[in-house]
Amino acid sequence: MGETSVHVNGSGTTEESVNGTNLRQKLQEIHDQATEYFNRVASQANDESSPLSREEIWSSVSPEDQQLAEKLSTRIRQTVTIISKATMLSPLVGQAGQASLGIAMKSMTAALRFRYYNHWGPEVVSDEGTVLAVHPAVEREDGVIEEVTIARDIFADNCDKVLGFVDLVAVPKPSTQTSKE
């Protein structure tokens, strides 16, 4: 793929580095294609004589655009997987950051299907120190996004979050210029 490379550090162990330029370009291409997709869906929705209901928005998307949304989702997952591997090796990103990266990815892919991505951690129900129940963590896509602009904004905001992680973990290409001090 060209985005990642493996280096041996001073202690003899290997570590993966990320070429931020390639990942930024990939994410920008994904963002641009998603923007075109959302614009097409918006123009189709505006051509309708009456507003779309909650159930109709995804079914009103052309089969070609539904296929594009699935392809974009696959590309997002592949790209974020590369970034995620790099965050595991970075001292700048902890477990919470890695979780945020996953949430951003899932929010982007859900927005392409006009769905909200929701998640919450496990919940312990207790009374005066006695645990009565433990509800597991939950994540799901529920709730339909009714406006294309909202889906587009959710996608763009989360794409920006992913780009922030690229900036944190990307290893700049070595400069070929020598500087005089």
N, C-alpha and C. Protein backbone atom coordinates (compact mmCIF):
# COMPACT_ATOMS: atom_id res chain seq x y z
N MET A 1 0.81 -1.20 0.00
CA MET A 1 0.00 0.00 0.00
C MET A 1 0.85 1.26 0.00
N GLY A 2 2.00 1.25 0.66
CA GLY A 2 2.87 2.40 0.65
C GLY A 2 2.68 3.34 1.81
N GLU A 3 1.63 3.18 2.62
CA GLU A 3 1.39 4.11 3.73
C GLU A 3 2.20 3.76 4.95
N THR A 4 2.50 2.50 5.11
CA THR A 4 3.20 2.09 6.32
C THR A 4 4.53 1.46 5.96
N SER A 5 5.42 1.55 6.85
CA SER A 5 6.71 0.88 6.68
C SER A 5 7.16 0.41 8.05
N VAL A 6 8.03 -0.57 8.06
CA VAL A 6 8.50 -1.12 9.32
C VAL A 6 9.95 -0.72 9.50
N HIS A 7 10.29 -0.23 10.68
CA HIS A 7 11.64 0.20 10.99
C HIS A 7 12.12 -0.55 12.22
N VAL A 8 13.41 -0.77 12.30
CA VAL A 8 14.01 -1.35 13.49
C VAL A 8 14.56 -0.21 14.32
N ASN A 9 14.11 -0.11 15.57
CA ASN A 9 14.59 0.98 16.42
C ASN A 9 15.88 0.56 17.12
N GLY A 10 16.41 1.43 17.94
CA GLY A 10 17.69 1.20 18.59
C GLY A 10 17.74 -0.02 19.48
N SER A 11 16.61 -0.46 20.00
CA SER A 11 16.61 -1.62 20.89
C SER A 11 16.47 -2.94 20.12
N GLY A 12 16.41 -2.85 18.78
CA GLY A 12 16.31 -4.05 17.98
C GLY A 12 14.89 -4.52 17.72
N THR A 13 13.90 -3.82 18.28
CA THR A 13 12.51 -4.20 18.02
C THR A 13 12.01 -3.43 16.81
N THR A 14 10.94 -3.91 16.23
CA THR A 14 10.39 -3.23 15.06
C THR A 14 9.26 -2.33 15.49
N GLU A 15 9.08 -1.28 14.73
CA GLU A 15 7.93 -0.41 14.95
C GLU A 15 7.45 0.09 13.60
N GLU A 16 6.18 0.31 13.52
CA GLU A 16 5.56 0.72 12.27
C GLU A 16 5.46 2.24 12.25
N SER A 17 5.77 2.85 11.13
CA SER A 17 5.58 4.28 11.01
C SER A 17 4.57 4.54 9.91
N VAL A 18 3.97 5.70 9.95
CA VAL A 18 2.90 6.04 9.04
C VAL A 18 3.33 7.23 8.19
N ASN A 19 3.14 7.10 6.90
CA ASN A 19 3.38 8.21 6.00
C ASN A 19 2.13 9.07 5.99
N GLY A 20 2.17 10.17 6.69
CA GLY A 20 1.01 11.04 6.84
C GLY A 20 0.52 11.64 5.55
N THR A 21 1.42 11.91 4.61
CA THR A 21 1.02 12.51 3.34
C THR A 21 0.09 11.57 2.58
N ASN A 22 0.47 10.30 2.47
CA ASN A 22 -0.37 9.34 1.75
C ASN A 22 -1.73 9.16 2.43
N LEU A 23 -1.74 9.08 3.75
CA LEU A 23 -3.00 8.91 4.46
C LEU A 23 -3.87 10.15 4.34
N ARG A 24 -3.25 11.32 4.42
CA ARG A 24 -4.01 12.56 4.24
C ARG A 24 -4.65 12.59 2.85
N GLN A 25 -3.87 12.19 1.84
CA GLN A 25 -4.40 12.16 0.48
C GLN A 25 -5.56 11.18 0.36
N LYS A 26 -5.41 10.00 0.94
CA LYS A 26 -6.49 9.01 0.91
C LYS A 26 -7.75 9.54 1.58
N LEU A 27 -7.55 10.13 2.78
CA LEU A 27 -8.71 10.66 3.49
C LEU A 27 -9.34 11.83 2.75
N GLN A 28 -8.53 12.65 2.11
CA GLN A 28 -9.08 13.77 1.33
C GLN A 28 -9.88 13.26 0.14
N GLU A 29 -9.37 12.21 -0.53
CA GLU A 29 -10.12 11.61 -1.64
C GLU A 29 -11.44 11.05 -1.15
N ILE A 30 -11.42 10.35 -0.03
CA ILE A 30 -12.65 9.80 0.55
C ILE A 30 -13.61 10.93 0.88
N HIS A 31 -13.10 11.98 1.51
CA HIS A 31 -13.94 13.12 1.88
C HIS A 31 -14.55 13.76 0.64
N ASP A 32 -13.75 13.96 -0.41
CA ASP A 32 -14.25 14.58 -1.64
C ASP A 32 -15.33 13.72 -2.29
N GLN A 33 -15.10 12.41 -2.36
CA GLN A 33 -16.10 11.52 -2.96
C GLN A 33 -17.37 11.49 -2.11
N ALA A 34 -17.22 11.52 -0.80
CA ALA A 34 -18.40 11.53 0.07
C ALA A 34 -19.18 12.84 -0.09
N THR A 35 -18.47 13.95 -0.24
CA THR A 35 -19.15 15.23 -0.45
C THR A 35 -19.95 15.21 -1.75
N GLU A 36 -19.36 14.67 -2.81
CA GLU A 36 -20.08 14.53 -4.08
C GLU A 36 -21.31 13.64 -3.90
N TYR A 37 -21.14 12.57 -3.18
CA TYR A 37 -22.24 11.64 -2.90
C TYR A 37 -23.37 12.36 -2.16
N PHE A 38 -23.02 13.07 -1.08
CA PHE A 38 -24.05 13.78 -0.32
C PHE A 38 -24.72 14.86 -1.18
N ASN A 39 -23.97 15.54 -2.02
CA ASN A 39 -24.55 16.55 -2.90
C ASN A 39 -25.54 15.94 -3.89
N ARG A 40 -25.19 14.76 -4.46
CA ARG A 40 -26.11 14.08 -5.38
C ARG A 40 -27.39 13.67 -4.66
N VAL A 41 -27.24 13.11 -3.46
CA VAL A 41 -28.42 12.69 -2.70
C VAL A 41 -29.28 13.90 -2.36
N ALA A 42 -28.64 15.01 -2.00
CA ALA A 42 -29.39 16.23 -1.67
C ALA A 42 -30.15 16.73 -2.89
N SER A 43 -29.52 16.70 -4.06
CA SER A 43 -30.22 17.18 -5.25
C SER A 43 -31.37 16.25 -5.62
N GLN A 44 -31.20 14.94 -5.40
CA GLN A 44 -32.30 14.01 -5.64
C GLN A 44 -33.43 14.27 -4.66
N ALA A 45 -33.10 14.55 -3.41
CA ALA A 45 -34.13 14.82 -2.40
C ALA A 45 -34.87 16.11 -2.73
N ASN A 46 -34.15 17.10 -3.26
CA ASN A 46 -34.79 18.37 -3.61
C ASN A 46 -35.67 18.24 -4.84
N ASP A 47 -35.41 17.24 -5.67
CA ASP A 47 -36.24 17.01 -6.86
C ASP A 47 -37.58 16.38 -6.52
N GLU A 48 -37.67 15.77 -5.35
CA GLU A 48 -38.91 15.12 -4.94
C GLU A 48 -39.96 16.19 -4.65
N SER A 49 -41.23 15.87 -4.96
CA SER A 49 -42.30 16.84 -4.76
C SER A 49 -42.65 17.03 -3.29
N SER A 50 -42.38 16.02 -2.46
CA SER A 50 -42.64 16.16 -1.03
C SER A 50 -41.40 15.72 -0.25
N PRO A 51 -41.25 16.22 0.96
CA PRO A 51 -40.06 15.84 1.74
C PRO A 51 -40.03 14.33 2.00
N LEU A 52 -38.82 13.83 2.14
CA LEU A 52 -38.64 12.40 2.38
C LEU A 52 -38.93 12.08 3.84
N SER A 53 -39.55 10.95 4.06
CA SER A 53 -39.78 10.51 5.43
C SER A 53 -38.52 9.83 5.95
N ARG A 54 -38.52 9.53 7.22
CA ARG A 54 -37.36 8.88 7.85
C ARG A 54 -37.01 7.58 7.14
N GLU A 55 -37.99 6.79 6.76
CA GLU A 55 -37.74 5.49 6.16
C GLU A 55 -37.32 5.61 4.70
N GLU A 56 -37.66 6.70 4.06
CA GLU A 56 -37.44 6.81 2.62
C GLU A 56 -36.07 7.31 2.22
N ILE A 57 -35.33 7.94 3.11
CA ILE A 57 -34.10 8.60 2.68
C ILE A 57 -33.09 7.61 2.10
N TRP A 58 -32.81 6.50 2.78
CA TRP A 58 -31.84 5.54 2.25
C TRP A 58 -32.41 4.84 1.02
N SER A 59 -33.69 4.51 1.04
CA SER A 59 -34.28 3.83 -0.11
C SER A 59 -34.37 4.77 -1.32
N SER A 60 -34.31 6.07 -1.10
CA SER A 60 -34.36 7.01 -2.22
C SER A 60 -32.99 7.20 -2.87
N VAL A 61 -31.93 6.72 -2.22
CA VAL A 61 -30.59 6.82 -2.78
C VAL A 61 -30.48 5.81 -3.91
N SER A 62 -29.95 6.24 -5.03
CA SER A 62 -29.84 5.37 -6.20
C SER A 62 -28.99 4.14 -5.86
N PRO A 63 -29.22 3.02 -6.53
CA PRO A 63 -28.40 1.82 -6.28
C PRO A 63 -26.90 2.09 -6.50
N GLU A 64 -26.58 2.92 -7.48
CA GLU A 64 -25.18 3.25 -7.73
C GLU A 64 -24.58 4.00 -6.54
N ASP A 65 -25.34 4.94 -5.99
CA ASP A 65 -24.84 5.70 -4.84
C ASP A 65 -24.81 4.85 -3.58
N GLN A 66 -25.75 3.92 -3.44
CA GLN A 66 -25.68 2.99 -2.30
C GLN A 66 -24.42 2.14 -2.39
N GLN A 67 -24.09 1.71 -3.61
CA GLN A 67 -22.87 0.92 -3.81
C GLN A 67 -21.63 1.78 -3.52
N LEU A 68 -21.66 3.05 -3.95
CA LEU A 68 -20.55 3.96 -3.65
C LEU A 68 -20.39 4.13 -2.15
N ALA A 69 -21.51 4.29 -1.43
CA ALA A 69 -21.45 4.45 0.03
C ALA A 69 -20.79 3.23 0.68
N GLU A 70 -21.10 2.04 0.19
CA GLU A 70 -20.49 0.83 0.74
C GLU A 70 -19.01 0.77 0.41
N LYS A 71 -18.62 1.16 -0.80
CA LYS A 71 -17.21 1.18 -1.17
C LYS A 71 -16.44 2.20 -0.33
N LEU A 72 -17.04 3.37 -0.12
CA LEU A 72 -16.40 4.38 0.72
C LEU A 72 -16.25 3.86 2.15
N SER A 73 -17.26 3.17 2.65
CA SER A 73 -17.19 2.60 4.00
C SER A 73 -16.03 1.61 4.11
N THR A 74 -15.85 0.80 3.09
CA THR A 74 -14.75 -0.16 3.09
C THR A 74 -13.41 0.57 3.09
N ARG A 75 -13.28 1.60 2.25
CA ARG A 75 -12.03 2.36 2.19
C ARG A 75 -11.76 3.08 3.51
N ILE A 76 -12.80 3.58 4.15
CA ILE A 76 -12.64 4.24 5.45
C ILE A 76 -12.11 3.24 6.47
N ARG A 77 -12.73 2.07 6.53
CA ARG A 77 -12.29 1.05 7.49
C ARG A 77 -10.84 0.64 7.23
N GLN A 78 -10.45 0.46 5.98
CA GLN A 78 -9.08 0.08 5.66
C GLN A 78 -8.09 1.17 6.07
N THR A 79 -8.41 2.40 5.77
CA THR A 79 -7.51 3.51 6.08
C THR A 79 -7.40 3.73 7.59
N VAL A 80 -8.52 3.68 8.28
CA VAL A 80 -8.49 3.88 9.72
C VAL A 80 -7.78 2.71 10.42
N THR A 81 -7.85 1.54 9.86
CA THR A 81 -7.12 0.40 10.43
C THR A 81 -5.62 0.67 10.43
N ILE A 82 -5.11 1.24 9.36
CA ILE A 82 -3.69 1.59 9.28
C ILE A 82 -3.35 2.63 10.36
N ILE A 83 -4.20 3.63 10.48
CA ILE A 83 -3.97 4.68 11.48
C ILE A 83 -4.05 4.09 12.89
N SER A 84 -5.02 3.21 13.09
CA SER A 84 -5.20 2.59 14.40
C SER A 84 -3.98 1.79 14.83
N LYS A 85 -3.40 1.04 13.90
CA LYS A 85 -2.20 0.28 14.23
C LYS A 85 -1.08 1.22 14.68
N ALA A 86 -0.96 2.36 14.02
CA ALA A 86 0.07 3.32 14.39
C ALA A 86 -0.20 3.94 15.76
N THR A 87 -1.49 4.17 16.09
CA THR A 87 -1.79 4.77 17.40
C THR A 87 -1.43 3.83 18.54
N MET A 88 -1.49 2.52 18.27
CA MET A 88 -1.13 1.56 19.32
C MET A 88 0.35 1.66 19.69
N LEU A 89 1.17 2.12 18.77
CA LEU A 89 2.60 2.24 19.01
C LEU A 89 3.01 3.64 19.46
N SER A 90 2.08 4.55 19.44
CA SER A 90 2.41 5.94 19.76
C SER A 90 2.19 6.24 21.23
N PRO A 91 3.17 6.89 21.86
CA PRO A 91 2.98 7.30 23.25
C PRO A 91 2.04 8.50 23.37
N LEU A 92 1.69 9.10 22.23
CA LEU A 92 0.82 10.27 22.24
C LEU A 92 -0.67 9.92 22.26
N VAL A 93 -0.98 8.66 21.98
CA VAL A 93 -2.39 8.25 21.90
C VAL A 93 -2.62 7.09 22.86
N GLY A 94 -3.50 7.32 23.81
CA GLY A 94 -3.84 6.27 24.78
C GLY A 94 -5.05 5.48 24.33
N GLN A 95 -5.55 4.65 25.23
CA GLN A 95 -6.72 3.83 24.91
C GLN A 95 -7.94 4.66 24.58
N ALA A 96 -8.11 5.76 25.29
CA ALA A 96 -9.27 6.63 25.01
C ALA A 96 -9.18 7.22 23.61
N GLY A 97 -7.98 7.58 23.20
CA GLY A 97 -7.79 8.10 21.85
C GLY A 97 -8.06 7.05 20.80
N GLN A 98 -7.61 5.83 21.05
CA GLN A 98 -7.87 4.74 20.12
C GLN A 98 -9.38 4.48 20.00
N ALA A 99 -10.07 4.56 21.13
CA ALA A 99 -11.52 4.38 21.11
C ALA A 99 -12.18 5.52 20.32
N SER A 100 -11.69 6.74 20.50
CA SER A 100 -12.23 7.89 19.76
C SER A 100 -12.05 7.72 18.26
N LEU A 101 -10.92 7.17 17.87
CA LEU A 101 -10.66 6.91 16.45
C LEU A 101 -11.69 5.93 15.90
N GLY A 102 -11.96 4.86 16.64
CA GLY A 102 -12.97 3.89 16.21
C GLY A 102 -14.36 4.49 16.14
N ILE A 103 -14.69 5.33 17.10
CA ILE A 103 -15.99 5.99 17.10
C ILE A 103 -16.12 6.91 15.89
N ALA A 104 -15.06 7.65 15.57
CA ALA A 104 -15.09 8.53 14.41
C ALA A 104 -15.30 7.73 13.13
N MET A 105 -14.59 6.61 13.01
CA MET A 105 -14.74 5.76 11.82
C MET A 105 -16.18 5.26 11.69
N LYS A 106 -16.72 4.75 12.79
CA LYS A 106 -18.08 4.20 12.75
C LYS A 106 -19.12 5.28 12.51
N SER A 107 -18.88 6.49 13.01
CA SER A 107 -19.79 7.60 12.76
C SER A 107 -19.77 8.01 11.29
N MET A 108 -18.58 7.98 10.68
CA MET A 108 -18.47 8.30 9.25
C MET A 108 -19.24 7.29 8.40
N THR A 109 -19.02 6.00 8.67
CA THR A 109 -19.68 4.98 7.85
C THR A 109 -21.19 4.98 8.07
N ALA A 110 -21.63 5.25 9.30
CA ALA A 110 -23.07 5.34 9.57
C ALA A 110 -23.69 6.53 8.85
N ALA A 111 -22.99 7.66 8.84
CA ALA A 111 -23.52 8.86 8.18
C ALA A 111 -23.73 8.63 6.69
N LEU A 112 -22.87 7.82 6.08
CA LEU A 112 -23.05 7.52 4.65
C LEU A 112 -24.38 6.80 4.39
N ARG A 113 -24.89 6.10 5.41
CA ARG A 113 -26.18 5.40 5.29
C ARG A 113 -27.30 6.17 5.99
N PHE A 114 -27.02 7.43 6.36
CA PHE A 114 -27.99 8.31 6.99
C PHE A 114 -28.50 7.73 8.31
N ARG A 115 -27.54 7.22 9.10
CA ARG A 115 -27.82 6.69 10.42
C ARG A 115 -26.89 7.35 11.43
N TYR A 116 -27.34 7.43 12.66
CA TYR A 116 -26.51 7.90 13.75
C TYR A 116 -25.79 6.70 14.36
N TYR A 117 -24.54 6.88 14.75
CA TYR A 117 -23.82 5.85 15.49
C TYR A 117 -23.85 6.23 16.95
N ASN A 118 -24.32 5.30 17.79
CA ASN A 118 -24.40 5.54 19.23
C ASN A 118 -23.65 4.45 19.97
N HIS A 119 -23.09 4.82 21.10
CA HIS A 119 -22.36 3.86 21.92
C HIS A 119 -22.37 4.34 23.36
N TRP A 120 -22.27 3.39 24.26
CA TRP A 120 -22.07 3.71 25.67
C TRP A 120 -21.42 2.52 26.34
N GLY A 121 -20.69 2.82 27.38
CA GLY A 121 -19.94 1.80 28.08
C GLY A 121 -20.83 0.94 28.97
N PRO A 122 -20.21 -0.01 29.64
CA PRO A 122 -20.99 -0.88 30.53
C PRO A 122 -21.56 -0.05 31.69
N GLU A 123 -22.67 -0.51 32.20
CA GLU A 123 -23.34 0.19 33.31
C GLU A 123 -23.52 -0.79 34.45
N VAL A 124 -23.09 -0.36 35.62
CA VAL A 124 -23.26 -1.18 36.83
C VAL A 124 -24.39 -0.59 37.64
N VAL A 125 -25.39 -1.40 37.90
CA VAL A 125 -26.52 -0.98 38.73
C VAL A 125 -26.26 -1.51 40.13
N SER A 126 -26.21 -0.59 41.09
CA SER A 126 -25.92 -1.02 42.45
C SER A 126 -26.82 -0.28 43.45
N ASP A 127 -26.91 -0.86 44.61
CA ASP A 127 -27.66 -0.26 45.70
C ASP A 127 -26.84 -0.42 46.97
N GLU A 128 -26.39 0.69 47.53
CA GLU A 128 -25.62 0.71 48.77
C GLU A 128 -24.44 -0.25 48.71
N GLY A 129 -23.72 -0.23 47.59
CA GLY A 129 -22.52 -1.03 47.47
C GLY A 129 -22.73 -2.45 46.97
N THR A 130 -23.98 -2.87 46.83
CA THR A 130 -24.27 -4.21 46.33
C THR A 130 -24.57 -4.11 44.84
N VAL A 131 -23.84 -4.88 44.04
CA VAL A 131 -24.07 -4.87 42.60
C VAL A 131 -25.32 -5.69 42.31
N LEU A 132 -26.28 -5.04 41.67
CA LEU A 132 -27.53 -5.71 41.34
C LEU A 132 -27.53 -6.24 39.91
N ALA A 133 -26.86 -5.51 39.02
CA ALA A 133 -26.83 -5.92 37.62
C ALA A 133 -25.69 -5.22 36.91
N VAL A 134 -25.24 -5.83 35.86
CA VAL A 134 -24.23 -5.22 34.99
C VAL A 134 -24.77 -5.28 33.57
N HIS A 135 -24.95 -4.10 32.99
CA HIS A 135 -25.41 -4.03 31.60
C HIS A 135 -24.17 -3.87 30.72
N PRO A 136 -24.03 -4.69 29.69
CA PRO A 136 -22.82 -4.62 28.86
C PRO A 136 -22.77 -3.34 28.03
N ALA A 137 -21.59 -3.06 27.52
CA ALA A 137 -21.41 -1.93 26.62
C ALA A 137 -22.27 -2.17 25.37
N VAL A 138 -22.74 -1.09 24.79
CA VAL A 138 -23.61 -1.19 23.62
C VAL A 138 -23.11 -0.22 22.56
N GLU A 139 -23.12 -0.69 21.33
CA GLU A 139 -22.88 0.19 20.20
C GLU A 139 -23.81 -0.23 19.09
N ARG A 140 -24.39 0.76 18.43
CA ARG A 140 -25.31 0.44 17.35
C ARG A 140 -25.58 1.68 16.51
N GLU A 141 -26.07 1.41 15.34
CA GLU A 141 -26.54 2.47 14.47
C GLU A 141 -28.05 2.51 14.64
N ASP A 142 -28.52 3.60 15.17
CA ASP A 142 -29.96 3.75 15.27
C ASP A 142 -30.30 5.21 15.09
N GLY A 143 -31.51 5.45 14.81
CA GLY A 143 -31.94 6.81 14.52
C GLY A 143 -31.53 7.19 13.12
N VAL A 144 -32.48 7.61 12.36
CA VAL A 144 -32.24 7.98 10.97
C VAL A 144 -31.93 9.46 10.90
N ILE A 145 -30.88 9.80 10.16
CA ILE A 145 -30.57 11.21 9.90
C ILE A 145 -31.50 11.66 8.79
N GLU A 146 -32.32 12.64 9.06
CA GLU A 146 -33.36 13.04 8.12
C GLU A 146 -32.91 14.07 7.10
N GLU A 147 -31.81 14.74 7.35
CA GLU A 147 -31.35 15.77 6.41
C GLU A 147 -29.96 15.44 5.92
N VAL A 148 -29.77 15.58 4.62
CA VAL A 148 -28.48 15.28 4.01
C VAL A 148 -27.39 16.18 4.59
N THR A 149 -27.71 17.43 4.86
CA THR A 149 -26.69 18.35 5.39
C THR A 149 -26.18 17.90 6.76
N ILE A 150 -27.06 17.32 7.56
CA ILE A 150 -26.63 16.83 8.88
C ILE A 150 -25.69 15.64 8.70
N ALA A 151 -26.04 14.71 7.82
CA ALA A 151 -25.17 13.56 7.56
C ALA A 151 -23.82 14.02 7.02
N ARG A 152 -23.84 14.98 6.11
CA ARG A 152 -22.59 15.51 5.54
C ARG A 152 -21.74 16.15 6.62
N ASP A 153 -22.35 16.90 7.53
CA ASP A 153 -21.60 17.56 8.61
C ASP A 153 -21.02 16.54 9.59
N ILE A 154 -21.79 15.52 9.92
CA ILE A 154 -21.30 14.47 10.82
C ILE A 154 -20.10 13.78 10.17
N PHE A 155 -20.22 13.47 8.89
CA PHE A 155 -19.13 12.82 8.17
C PHE A 155 -17.88 13.71 8.19
N ALA A 156 -18.05 14.98 7.84
CA ALA A 156 -16.90 15.90 7.76
C ALA A 156 -16.24 16.10 9.13
N ASP A 157 -17.04 16.27 10.17
CA ASP A 157 -16.49 16.46 11.52
C ASP A 157 -15.66 15.25 11.95
N ASN A 158 -16.16 14.07 11.68
CA ASN A 158 -15.43 12.87 12.08
C ASN A 158 -14.23 12.60 11.19
N CYS A 159 -14.30 13.00 9.93
CA CYS A 159 -13.13 12.90 9.05
C CYS A 159 -12.02 13.81 9.59
N ASP A 160 -12.39 15.00 10.06
CA ASP A 160 -11.40 15.91 10.66
C ASP A 160 -10.76 15.29 11.90
N LYS A 161 -11.55 14.57 12.70
CA LYS A 161 -11.00 13.89 13.88
C LYS A 161 -9.97 12.84 13.47
N VAL A 162 -10.28 12.07 12.43
CA VAL A 162 -9.35 11.05 11.95
C VAL A 162 -8.07 11.71 11.44
N LEU A 163 -8.21 12.82 10.72
CA LEU A 163 -7.03 13.55 10.25
C LEU A 163 -6.18 14.03 11.41
N GLY A 164 -6.80 14.38 12.51
CA GLY A 164 -6.05 14.78 13.70
C GLY A 164 -5.18 13.66 14.22
N PHE A 165 -5.66 12.44 14.14
CA PHE A 165 -4.85 11.29 14.55
C PHE A 165 -3.69 11.07 13.58
N VAL A 166 -3.93 11.31 12.30
CA VAL A 166 -2.83 11.18 11.32
C VAL A 166 -1.72 12.16 11.70
N ASP A 167 -2.10 13.37 12.07
CA ASP A 167 -1.10 14.37 12.45
C ASP A 167 -0.32 13.93 13.70
N LEU A 168 -0.97 13.24 14.61
CA LEU A 168 -0.30 12.80 15.84
C LEU A 168 0.69 11.68 15.61
N VAL A 169 0.38 10.77 14.71
CA VAL A 169 1.21 9.57 14.57
C VAL A 169 2.04 9.53 13.31
N ALA A 170 1.84 10.47 12.40
CA ALA A 170 2.55 10.42 11.13
C ALA A 170 4.03 10.74 11.33
N VAL A 171 4.84 9.99 10.63
CA VAL A 171 6.28 10.23 10.62
C VAL A 171 6.59 11.00 9.35
N PRO A 172 7.12 12.22 9.47
CA PRO A 172 7.40 12.98 8.25
C PRO A 172 8.51 12.30 7.44
N LYS A 173 8.42 12.48 6.13
CA LYS A 173 9.46 11.93 5.27
C LYS A 173 10.74 12.68 5.55
N PRO A 174 11.87 11.98 5.55
CA PRO A 174 13.13 12.66 5.79
C PRO A 174 13.39 13.71 4.70
N SER A 175 13.91 14.82 5.12
CA SER A 175 14.22 15.89 4.20
C SER A 175 15.51 15.55 3.46
N THR A 176 15.52 15.85 2.17
CA THR A 176 16.73 15.59 1.38
C THR A 176 17.64 16.80 1.37
N GLN A 177 17.12 17.92 1.92
CA GLN A 177 17.93 19.13 1.98
C GLN A 177 18.76 19.13 3.25
N THR A 178 19.96 19.66 3.17
CA THR A 178 20.79 19.81 4.35
C THR A 178 20.73 21.26 4.78
N SER A 179 20.63 21.47 6.05
CA SER A 179 20.56 22.85 6.56
C SER A 179 21.90 23.23 7.18
N LYS A 180 22.24 24.50 7.01
CA LYS A 180 23.46 25.03 7.60
C LYS A 180 23.10 25.85 8.83
N GLU A 181 23.76 25.57 9.91
CA GLU A 181 23.48 26.31 11.14
C GLU A 181 24.64 27.13 11.52
